[in-house]
């Protein structure tokens, strides 16, 4: 399990993002594409980590089920889907 207070690198967030494949195709880590990086599998596997200590308010705001397991991947999806996309 991972504590909610833990921080995750942009590489981990991008590798775990279930809503968009854009980072997989375009994000460079040094001179290497994210999906081709030697640590990609490691970063992607962190998406299956179970998170806990989310406040009830966070569960409600993100539309997560009050009971159940929330992984990093599911949390990223909920956050992205809860925020309107800006074209500015």
PDB file of N, CA and C in Angstrom:
ATOM      1  N   UNK A   1       0.836  -1.178   0.000  1.00  0.00           N
ATOM      2  CA  UNK A   1       0.000   0.000   0.000  1.00  0.00           C
ATOM      3  C   UNK A   1       0.881   1.241   0.000  1.00  0.00           C
ATOM      4  N   UNK A   2       0.342   2.305  -0.535  1.00  0.00           N
ATOM      5  CA  UNK A   2       1.055   3.571  -0.615  1.00  0.00           C
ATOM      6  C   UNK A   2       0.245   4.628   0.113  1.00  0.00           C
ATOM      7  N   UNK A   3       0.907   5.436   0.885  1.00  0.00           N
ATOM      8  CA  UNK A   3       0.212   6.511   1.572  1.00  0.00           C
ATOM      9  C   UNK A   3      -0.135   7.602   0.574  1.00  0.00           C
ATOM     10  N   UNK A   4      -1.308   8.191   0.737  1.00  0.00           N
ATOM     11  CA  UNK A   4      -1.760   9.279  -0.143  1.00  0.00           C
ATOM     12  C   UNK A   4      -0.783  10.432  -0.100  1.00  0.00           C
ATOM     13  N   UNK A   5      -0.145  10.646   1.042  1.00  0.00           N
ATOM     14  CA  UNK A   5       0.777  11.759   1.176  1.00  0.00           C
ATOM     15  C   UNK A   5       2.058  11.551   0.372  1.00  0.00           C
ATOM     16  N   UNK A   6       2.307  10.344  -0.074  1.00  0.00           N
ATOM     17  CA  UNK A   6       3.483  10.099  -0.905  1.00  0.00           C
ATOM     18  C   UNK A   6       3.389  10.926  -2.174  1.00  0.00           C
ATOM     19  N   UNK A   7       4.519  11.263  -2.710  1.00  0.00           N
ATOM     20  CA  UNK A   7       4.529  11.977  -3.973  1.00  0.00           C
ATOM     21  C   UNK A   7       4.975  11.018  -5.068  1.00  0.00           C
ATOM     22  N   UNK A   8       4.517  11.297  -6.266  1.00  0.00           N
ATOM     23  CA  UNK A   8       4.862  10.468  -7.409  1.00  0.00           C
ATOM     24  C   UNK A   8       5.469  11.358  -8.479  1.00  0.00           C
ATOM     25  N   UNK A   9       6.486  10.858  -9.129  1.00  0.00           N
ATOM     26  CA  UNK A   9       7.164  11.638 -10.162  1.00  0.00           C
ATOM     27  C   UNK A   9       6.260  11.796 -11.386  1.00  0.00           C
ATOM     28  N   UNK A  10       6.600  12.769 -12.209  1.00  0.00           N
ATOM     29  CA  UNK A  10       5.839  12.983 -13.447  1.00  0.00           C
ATOM     30  C   UNK A  10       5.931  11.758 -14.352  1.00  0.00           C
ATOM     31  N   UNK A  11       7.051  11.028 -14.268  1.00  0.00           N
ATOM     32  CA  UNK A  11       7.200   9.818 -15.073  1.00  0.00           C
ATOM     33  C   UNK A  11       6.214   8.743 -14.627  1.00  0.00           C
ATOM     34  N   UNK A  12       6.058   8.589 -13.315  1.00  0.00           N
ATOM     35  CA  UNK A  12       5.115   7.597 -12.782  1.00  0.00           C
ATOM     36  C   UNK A  12       3.689   7.985 -13.155  1.00  0.00           C
ATOM     37  N   UNK A  13       3.337   9.250 -12.956  1.00  0.00           N
ATOM     38  CA  UNK A  13       1.979   9.711 -13.283  1.00  0.00           C
ATOM     39  C   UNK A  13       1.707   9.494 -14.764  1.00  0.00           C
ATOM     40  N   UNK A  14       2.618   9.873 -15.630  1.00  0.00           N
ATOM     41  CA  UNK A  14       2.426   9.716 -17.073  1.00  0.00           C
ATOM     42  C   UNK A  14       2.317   8.242 -17.466  1.00  0.00           C
ATOM     43  N   UNK A  15       3.136   7.390 -16.872  1.00  0.00           N
ATOM     44  CA  UNK A  15       3.112   5.963 -17.207  1.00  0.00           C
ATOM     45  C   UNK A  15       1.825   5.297 -16.734  1.00  0.00           C
ATOM     46  N   UNK A  16       1.212   5.836 -15.684  1.00  0.00           N
ATOM     47  CA  UNK A  16       0.005   5.233 -15.098  1.00  0.00           C
ATOM     48  C   UNK A  16      -1.293   5.852 -15.590  1.00  0.00           C
ATOM     49  N   UNK A  17      -1.225   6.939 -16.322  1.00  0.00           N
ATOM     50  CA  UNK A  17      -2.432   7.669 -16.728  1.00  0.00           C
ATOM     51  C   UNK A  17      -3.280   6.836 -17.685  1.00  0.00           C
ATOM     52  N   UNK A  18      -4.469   6.391 -17.240  1.00  0.00           N
ATOM     53  CA  UNK A  18      -5.312   5.571 -18.107  1.00  0.00           C
ATOM     54  C   UNK A  18      -6.178   6.391 -19.064  1.00  0.00           C
ATOM     55  N   UNK A  19      -6.149   7.716 -18.925  1.00  0.00           N
ATOM     56  CA  UNK A  19      -7.057   8.549 -19.724  1.00  0.00           C
ATOM     57  C   UNK A  19      -6.458   9.027 -21.041  1.00  0.00           C
ATOM     58  N   UNK A  20      -5.140   9.057 -21.126  1.00  0.00           N
ATOM     59  CA  UNK A  20      -4.504   9.573 -22.347  1.00  0.00           C
ATOM     60  C   UNK A  20      -3.193   8.842 -22.614  1.00  0.00           C
ATOM     61  N   UNK A  21      -2.951   8.552 -23.861  1.00  0.00           N
ATOM     62  CA  UNK A  21      -1.698   7.908 -24.262  1.00  0.00           C
ATOM     63  C   UNK A  21      -0.680   8.919 -24.775  1.00  0.00           C
ATOM     64  N   UNK A  22      -1.047  10.194 -24.726  1.00  0.00           N
ATOM     65  CA  UNK A  22      -0.198  11.240 -25.290  1.00  0.00           C
ATOM     66  C   UNK A  22       1.224  11.216 -24.725  1.00  0.00           C
ATOM     67  N   UNK A  23       1.348  11.068 -23.415  1.00  0.00           N
ATOM     68  CA  UNK A  23       2.684  11.062 -22.806  1.00  0.00           C
ATOM     69  C   UNK A  23       3.504   9.869 -23.277  1.00  0.00           C
ATOM     70  N   UNK A  24       2.837   8.739 -23.468  1.00  0.00           N
ATOM     71  CA  UNK A  24       3.566   7.548 -23.920  1.00  0.00           C
ATOM     72  C   UNK A  24       4.206   7.787 -25.278  1.00  0.00           C
ATOM     73  N   UNK A  25       3.524   8.562 -26.107  1.00  0.00           N
ATOM     74  CA  UNK A  25       4.006   8.812 -27.466  1.00  0.00           C
ATOM     75  C   UNK A  25       4.966  10.000 -27.557  1.00  0.00           C
ATOM     76  N   UNK A  26       4.824  10.979 -26.633  1.00  0.00           N
ATOM     77  CA  UNK A  26       5.540  12.242 -26.803  1.00  0.00           C
ATOM     78  C   UNK A  26       6.497  12.647 -25.690  1.00  0.00           C
ATOM     79  N   UNK A  27       6.372  12.059 -24.511  1.00  0.00           N
ATOM     80  CA  UNK A  27       7.197  12.498 -23.385  1.00  0.00           C
ATOM     81  C   UNK A  27       8.600  11.909 -23.485  1.00  0.00           C
ATOM     82  N   UNK A  28       9.574  12.792 -23.393  1.00  0.00           N
ATOM     83  CA  UNK A  28      10.974  12.370 -23.431  1.00  0.00           C
ATOM     84  C   UNK A  28      11.555  12.366 -22.024  1.00  0.00           C
ATOM     85  N   UNK A  29      12.259  11.306 -21.703  1.00  0.00           N
ATOM     86  CA  UNK A  29      13.025  11.204 -20.476  1.00  0.00           C
ATOM     87  C   UNK A  29      14.471  11.207 -20.931  1.00  0.00           C
ATOM     88  N   UNK A  30      15.111  12.333 -20.772  1.00  0.00           N
ATOM     89  CA  UNK A  30      16.419  12.498 -21.403  1.00  0.00           C
ATOM     90  C   UNK A  30      16.196  12.545 -22.902  1.00  0.00           C
ATOM     91  N   UNK A  31      16.724  11.592 -23.613  1.00  0.00           N
ATOM     92  CA  UNK A  31      16.535  11.516 -25.068  1.00  0.00           C
ATOM     93  C   UNK A  31      15.714  10.297 -25.463  1.00  0.00           C
ATOM     94  N   UNK A  32      15.060   9.671 -24.470  1.00  0.00           N
ATOM     95  CA  UNK A  32      14.328   8.424 -24.706  1.00  0.00           C
ATOM     96  C   UNK A  32      12.841   8.653 -24.488  1.00  0.00           C
ATOM     97  N   UNK A  33      12.019   8.099 -25.381  1.00  0.00           N
ATOM     98  CA  UNK A  33      10.572   8.184 -25.218  1.00  0.00           C
ATOM     99  C   UNK A  33      10.171   7.450 -23.946  1.00  0.00           C
ATOM    100  N   UNK A  34       9.176   7.960 -23.247  1.00  0.00           N
ATOM    101  CA  UNK A  34       8.723   7.372 -21.988  1.00  0.00           C
ATOM    102  C   UNK A  34       8.477   5.876 -22.122  1.00  0.00           C
ATOM    103  N   UNK A  35       7.700   5.463 -23.119  1.00  0.00           N
ATOM    104  CA  UNK A  35       7.345   4.047 -23.233  1.00  0.00           C
ATOM    105  C   UNK A  35       8.522   3.154 -23.614  1.00  0.00           C
ATOM    106  N   UNK A  36       9.624   3.748 -24.060  1.00  0.00           N
ATOM    107  CA  UNK A  36      10.809   2.986 -24.422  1.00  0.00           C
ATOM    108  C   UNK A  36      11.904   3.046 -23.356  1.00  0.00           C
ATOM    109  N   UNK A  37      11.649   3.792 -22.306  1.00  0.00           N
ATOM    110  CA  UNK A  37      12.641   3.956 -21.237  1.00  0.00           C
ATOM    111  C   UNK A  37      12.816   2.638 -20.482  1.00  0.00           C
ATOM    112  N   UNK A  38      14.021   2.383 -20.029  1.00  0.00           N
ATOM    113  CA  UNK A  38      14.312   1.128 -19.322  1.00  0.00           C
ATOM    114  C   UNK A  38      13.537   0.989 -18.008  1.00  0.00           C
ATOM    115  N   UNK A  39      13.054   2.083 -17.431  1.00  0.00           N
ATOM    116  CA  UNK A  39      12.308   2.024 -16.174  1.00  0.00           C
ATOM    117  C   UNK A  39      10.795   2.117 -16.374  1.00  0.00           C
ATOM    118  N   UNK A  40      10.340   2.127 -17.630  1.00  0.00           N
ATOM    119  CA  UNK A  40       8.914   2.297 -17.914  1.00  0.00           C
ATOM    120  C   UNK A  40       8.050   1.265 -17.195  1.00  0.00           C
ATOM    121  N   UNK A  41       8.400  -0.008 -17.251  1.00  0.00           N
ATOM    122  CA  UNK A  41       7.612  -1.055 -16.594  1.00  0.00           C
ATOM    123  C   UNK A  41       7.534  -0.826 -15.084  1.00  0.00           C
ATOM    124  N   UNK A  42       8.634  -0.408 -14.502  1.00  0.00           N
ATOM    125  CA  UNK A  42       8.666  -0.104 -13.065  1.00  0.00           C
ATOM    126  C   UNK A  42       7.698   1.038 -12.746  1.00  0.00           C
ATOM    127  N   UNK A  43       7.768   2.118 -13.530  1.00  0.00           N
ATOM    128  CA  UNK A  43       6.882   3.266 -13.302  1.00  0.00           C
ATOM    129  C   UNK A  43       5.426   2.870 -13.508  1.00  0.00           C
ATOM    130  N   UNK A  44       5.157   2.119 -14.548  1.00  0.00           N
ATOM    131  CA  UNK A  44       3.784   1.726 -14.857  1.00  0.00           C
ATOM    132  C   UNK A  44       3.207   0.811 -13.770  1.00  0.00           C
ATOM    133  N   UNK A  45       4.031  -0.042 -13.199  1.00  0.00           N
ATOM    134  CA  UNK A  45       3.553  -0.969 -12.171  1.00  0.00           C
ATOM    135  C   UNK A  45       3.092  -0.244 -10.908  1.00  0.00           C
ATOM    136  N   UNK A  46       3.563   0.967 -10.682  1.00  0.00           N
ATOM    137  CA  UNK A  46       3.150   1.726  -9.503  1.00  0.00           C
ATOM    138  C   UNK A  46       1.681   2.134  -9.591  1.00  0.00           C
ATOM    139  N   UNK A  47       1.103   2.065 -10.763  1.00  0.00           N
ATOM    140  CA  UNK A  47      -0.314   2.386 -10.931  1.00  0.00           C
ATOM    141  C   UNK A  47      -1.221   1.402 -10.225  1.00  0.00           C
ATOM    142  N   UNK A  48      -0.701   0.215  -9.930  1.00  0.00           N
ATOM    143  CA  UNK A  48      -1.494  -0.807  -9.240  1.00  0.00           C
ATOM    144  C   UNK A  48      -1.367  -0.731  -7.725  1.00  0.00           C
ATOM    145  N   UNK A  49      -0.589   0.213  -7.236  1.00  0.00           N
ATOM    146  CA  UNK A  49      -0.433   0.379  -5.792  1.00  0.00           C
ATOM    147  C   UNK A  49      -1.753   0.842  -5.199  1.00  0.00           C
ATOM    148  N   UNK A  50      -2.133   0.233  -4.107  1.00  0.00           N
ATOM    149  CA  UNK A  50      -3.362   0.613  -3.417  1.00  0.00           C
ATOM    150  C   UNK A  50      -3.072   1.824  -2.537  1.00  0.00           C
ATOM    151  N   UNK A  51      -3.922   2.830  -2.669  1.00  0.00           N
ATOM    152  CA  UNK A  51      -3.792   4.047  -1.873  1.00  0.00           C
ATOM    153  C   UNK A  51      -4.760   3.987  -0.704  1.00  0.00           C
ATOM    154  N   UNK A  52      -4.410   4.612   0.356  1.00  0.00           N
ATOM    155  CA  UNK A  52      -5.311   4.713   1.488  1.00  0.00           C
ATOM    156  C   UNK A  52      -5.125   6.073   2.148  1.00  0.00           C
ATOM    157  N   UNK A  53      -5.887   6.350   3.152  1.00  0.00           N
ATOM    158  CA  UNK A  53      -5.937   7.621   3.871  1.00  0.00           C
ATOM    159  C   UNK A  53      -6.470   8.766   3.021  1.00  0.00           C
ATOM    160  N   UNK A  54      -7.294   8.463   2.023  1.00  0.00           N
ATOM    161  CA  UNK A  54      -7.992   9.533   1.315  1.00  0.00           C
ATOM    162  C   UNK A  54      -9.103  10.017   2.233  1.00  0.00           C
ATOM    163  N   UNK A  55      -9.280  11.318   2.330  1.00  0.00           N
ATOM    164  CA  UNK A  55     -10.343  11.835   3.184  1.00  0.00           C
ATOM    165  C   UNK A  55     -11.700  11.556   2.549  1.00  0.00           C
ATOM    166  N   UNK A  56     -12.728  11.532   3.366  1.00  0.00           N
ATOM    167  CA  UNK A  56     -14.088  11.319   2.857  1.00  0.00           C
ATOM    168  C   UNK A  56     -14.433  12.397   1.837  1.00  0.00           C
ATOM    169  N   UNK A  57     -14.010  13.623   2.104  1.00  0.00           N
ATOM    170  CA  UNK A  57     -14.271  14.733   1.180  1.00  0.00           C
ATOM    171  C   UNK A  57     -13.623  14.483  -0.183  1.00  0.00           C
ATOM    172  N   UNK A  58     -12.405  13.958  -0.177  1.00  0.00           N
ATOM    173  CA  UNK A  58     -11.721  13.647  -1.440  1.00  0.00           C
ATOM    174  C   UNK A  58     -12.484  12.573  -2.201  1.00  0.00           C
ATOM    175  N   UNK A  59     -12.927  11.539  -1.492  1.00  0.00           N
ATOM    176  CA  UNK A  59     -13.720  10.476  -2.133  1.00  0.00           C
ATOM    177  C   UNK A  59     -14.941  11.081  -2.820  1.00  0.00           C
ATOM    178  N   UNK A  60     -15.648  11.963  -2.100  1.00  0.00           N
ATOM    179  CA  UNK A  60     -16.875  12.570  -2.629  1.00  0.00           C
ATOM    180  C   UNK A  60     -16.565  13.475  -3.820  1.00  0.00           C
ATOM    181  N   UNK A  61     -15.565  14.355  -3.665  1.00  0.00           N
ATOM    182  CA  UNK A  61     -15.215  15.304  -4.728  1.00  0.00           C
ATOM    183  C   UNK A  61     -14.817  14.606  -6.024  1.00  0.00           C
ATOM    184  N   UNK A  62     -14.158  13.469  -5.904  1.00  0.00           N
ATOM    185  CA  UNK A  62     -13.684  12.755  -7.089  1.00  0.00           C
ATOM    186  C   UNK A  62     -14.670  11.695  -7.581  1.00  0.00           C
ATOM    187  N   UNK A  63     -15.773  11.541  -6.880  1.00  0.00           N
ATOM    188  CA  UNK A  63     -16.774  10.571  -7.298  1.00  0.00           C
ATOM    189  C   UNK A  63     -16.321   9.132  -7.155  1.00  0.00           C
ATOM    190  N   UNK A  64     -15.451   8.886  -6.190  1.00  0.00           N
ATOM    191  CA  UNK A  64     -14.969   7.527  -5.956  1.00  0.00           C
ATOM    192  C   UNK A  64     -15.950   6.797  -5.046  1.00  0.00           C
ATOM    193  N   UNK A  65     -16.045   5.490  -5.195  1.00  0.00           N
ATOM    194  CA  UNK A  65     -16.934   4.746  -4.295  1.00  0.00           C
ATOM    195  C   UNK A  65     -16.392   4.831  -2.873  1.00  0.00           C
ATOM    196  N   UNK A  66     -17.296   5.052  -1.899  1.00  0.00           N
ATOM    197  CA  UNK A  66     -16.843   5.209  -0.518  1.00  0.00           C
ATOM    198  C   UNK A  66     -16.153   3.970   0.011  1.00  0.00           C
ATOM    199  N   UNK A  67     -16.590   2.838  -0.459  1.00  0.00           N
ATOM    200  CA  UNK A  67     -15.952   1.591  -0.046  1.00  0.00           C
ATOM    201  C   UNK A  67     -15.324   0.975  -1.277  1.00  0.00           C
ATOM    202  N   UNK A  68     -14.178   0.456  -1.117  1.00  0.00           N
ATOM    203  CA  UNK A  68     -13.506  -0.166  -2.244  1.00  0.00           C
ATOM    204  C   UNK A  68     -12.048   0.209  -2.267  1.00  0.00           C
ATOM    205  N   UNK A  69     -11.369  -0.341  -3.218  1.00  0.00           N
ATOM    206  CA  UNK A  69      -9.937  -0.134  -3.341  1.00  0.00           C
ATOM    207  C   UNK A  69      -9.689   0.934  -4.406  1.00  0.00           C
ATOM    208  N   UNK A  70      -8.805   1.841  -4.081  1.00  0.00           N
ATOM    209  CA  UNK A  70      -8.414   2.870  -5.047  1.00  0.00           C
ATOM    210  C   UNK A  70      -6.926   2.729  -5.302  1.00  0.00           C
ATOM    211  N   UNK A  71      -6.596   2.525  -6.555  1.00  0.00           N
ATOM    212  CA  UNK A  71      -5.195   2.443  -6.956  1.00  0.00           C
ATOM    213  C   UNK A  71      -4.747   3.806  -7.452  1.00  0.00           C
ATOM    214  N   UNK A  72      -3.454   3.967  -7.599  1.00  0.00           N
ATOM    215  CA  UNK A  72      -2.927   5.220  -8.141  1.00  0.00           C
ATOM    216  C   UNK A  72      -3.522   5.474  -9.524  1.00  0.00           C
ATOM    217  N   UNK A  73      -3.612   4.440 -10.342  1.00  0.00           N
ATOM    218  CA  UNK A  73      -4.173   4.576 -11.690  1.00  0.00           C
ATOM    219  C   UNK A  73      -5.606   5.108 -11.634  1.00  0.00           C
ATOM    220  N   UNK A  74      -6.419   4.554 -10.733  1.00  0.00           N
ATOM    221  CA  UNK A  74      -7.817   4.979 -10.595  1.00  0.00           C
ATOM    222  C   UNK A  74      -7.898   6.403 -10.068  1.00  0.00           C
ATOM    223  N   UNK A  75      -7.009   6.773  -9.150  1.00  0.00           N
ATOM    224  CA  UNK A  75      -6.992   8.128  -8.620  1.00  0.00           C
ATOM    225  C   UNK A  75      -6.628   9.136  -9.705  1.00  0.00           C
ATOM    226  N   UNK A  76      -5.628   8.830 -10.518  1.00  0.00           N
ATOM    227  CA  UNK A  76      -5.247   9.719 -11.623  1.00  0.00           C
ATOM    228  C   UNK A  76      -6.442   9.918 -12.550  1.00  0.00           C
ATOM    229  N   UNK A  77      -7.102   8.832 -12.898  1.00  0.00           N
ATOM    230  CA  UNK A  77      -8.272   8.910 -13.779  1.00  0.00           C
ATOM    231  C   UNK A  77      -9.355   9.790 -13.154  1.00  0.00           C
ATOM    232  N   UNK A  78      -9.662   9.579 -11.884  1.00  0.00           N
ATOM    233  CA  UNK A  78     -10.708  10.355 -11.218  1.00  0.00           C
ATOM    234  C   UNK A  78     -10.362  11.842 -11.170  1.00  0.00           C
ATOM    235  N   UNK A  79      -9.113  12.165 -10.877  1.00  0.00           N
ATOM    236  CA  UNK A  79      -8.691  13.570 -10.837  1.00  0.00           C
ATOM    237  C   UNK A  79      -8.832  14.206 -12.210  1.00  0.00           C
ATOM    238  N   UNK A  80      -8.340  13.529 -13.234  1.00  0.00           N
ATOM    239  CA  UNK A  80      -8.398  14.098 -14.586  1.00  0.00           C
ATOM    240  C   UNK A  80      -9.822  14.259 -15.089  1.00  0.00           C
ATOM    241  N   UNK A  81     -10.677  13.302 -14.757  1.00  0.00           N
ATOM    242  CA  UNK A  81     -12.067  13.376 -15.215  1.00  0.00           C
ATOM    243  C   UNK A  81     -12.867  14.413 -14.418  1.00  0.00           C
ATOM    244  N   UNK A  82     -12.387  14.784 -13.236  1.00  0.00           N
ATOM    245  CA  UNK A  82     -13.104  15.764 -12.418  1.00  0.00           C
ATOM    246  C   UNK A  82     -12.735  17.194 -12.781  1.00  0.00           C
ATOM    247  N   UNK A  83     -11.701  17.358 -13.560  1.00  0.00           N
ATOM    248  CA  UNK A  83     -11.229  18.710 -13.939  1.00  0.00           C
ATOM    249  C   UNK A  83     -11.626  19.009 -15.382  1.00  0.00           C
ATOM    250  N   UNK A  84     -12.284  20.145 -15.607  1.00  0.00           N
ATOM    251  CA  UNK A  84     -12.619  20.489 -16.997  1.00  0.00           C
ATOM    252  C   UNK A  84     -11.357  20.755 -17.802  1.00  0.00           C
ATOM    253  N   UNK A  85     -11.385  20.351 -19.050  1.00  0.00           N
ATOM    254  CA  UNK A  85     -10.257  20.563 -19.945  1.00  0.00           C
ATOM    255  C   UNK A  85     -10.307  21.980 -20.472  1.00  0.00           C
ATOM    256  N   UNK A  86      -9.198  22.674 -20.429  1.00  0.00           N
ATOM    257  CA  UNK A  86      -9.120  24.035 -20.923  1.00  0.00           C
ATOM    258  C   UNK A  86      -8.364  24.039 -22.245  1.00  0.00           C
ATOM    259  N   UNK A  87      -8.881  24.768 -23.197  1.00  0.00           N
ATOM    260  CA  UNK A  87      -8.224  24.886 -24.497  1.00  0.00           C
ATOM    261  C   UNK A  87      -7.414  26.170 -24.593  1.00  0.00           C
ATOM    262  N   UNK A  88      -7.218  26.836 -23.468  1.00  0.00           N
ATOM    263  CA  UNK A  88      -6.479  28.093 -23.480  1.00  0.00           C
ATOM    264  C   UNK A  88      -4.999  27.864 -23.483  1.00  0.00           C
TER     265      UNK A  88
END
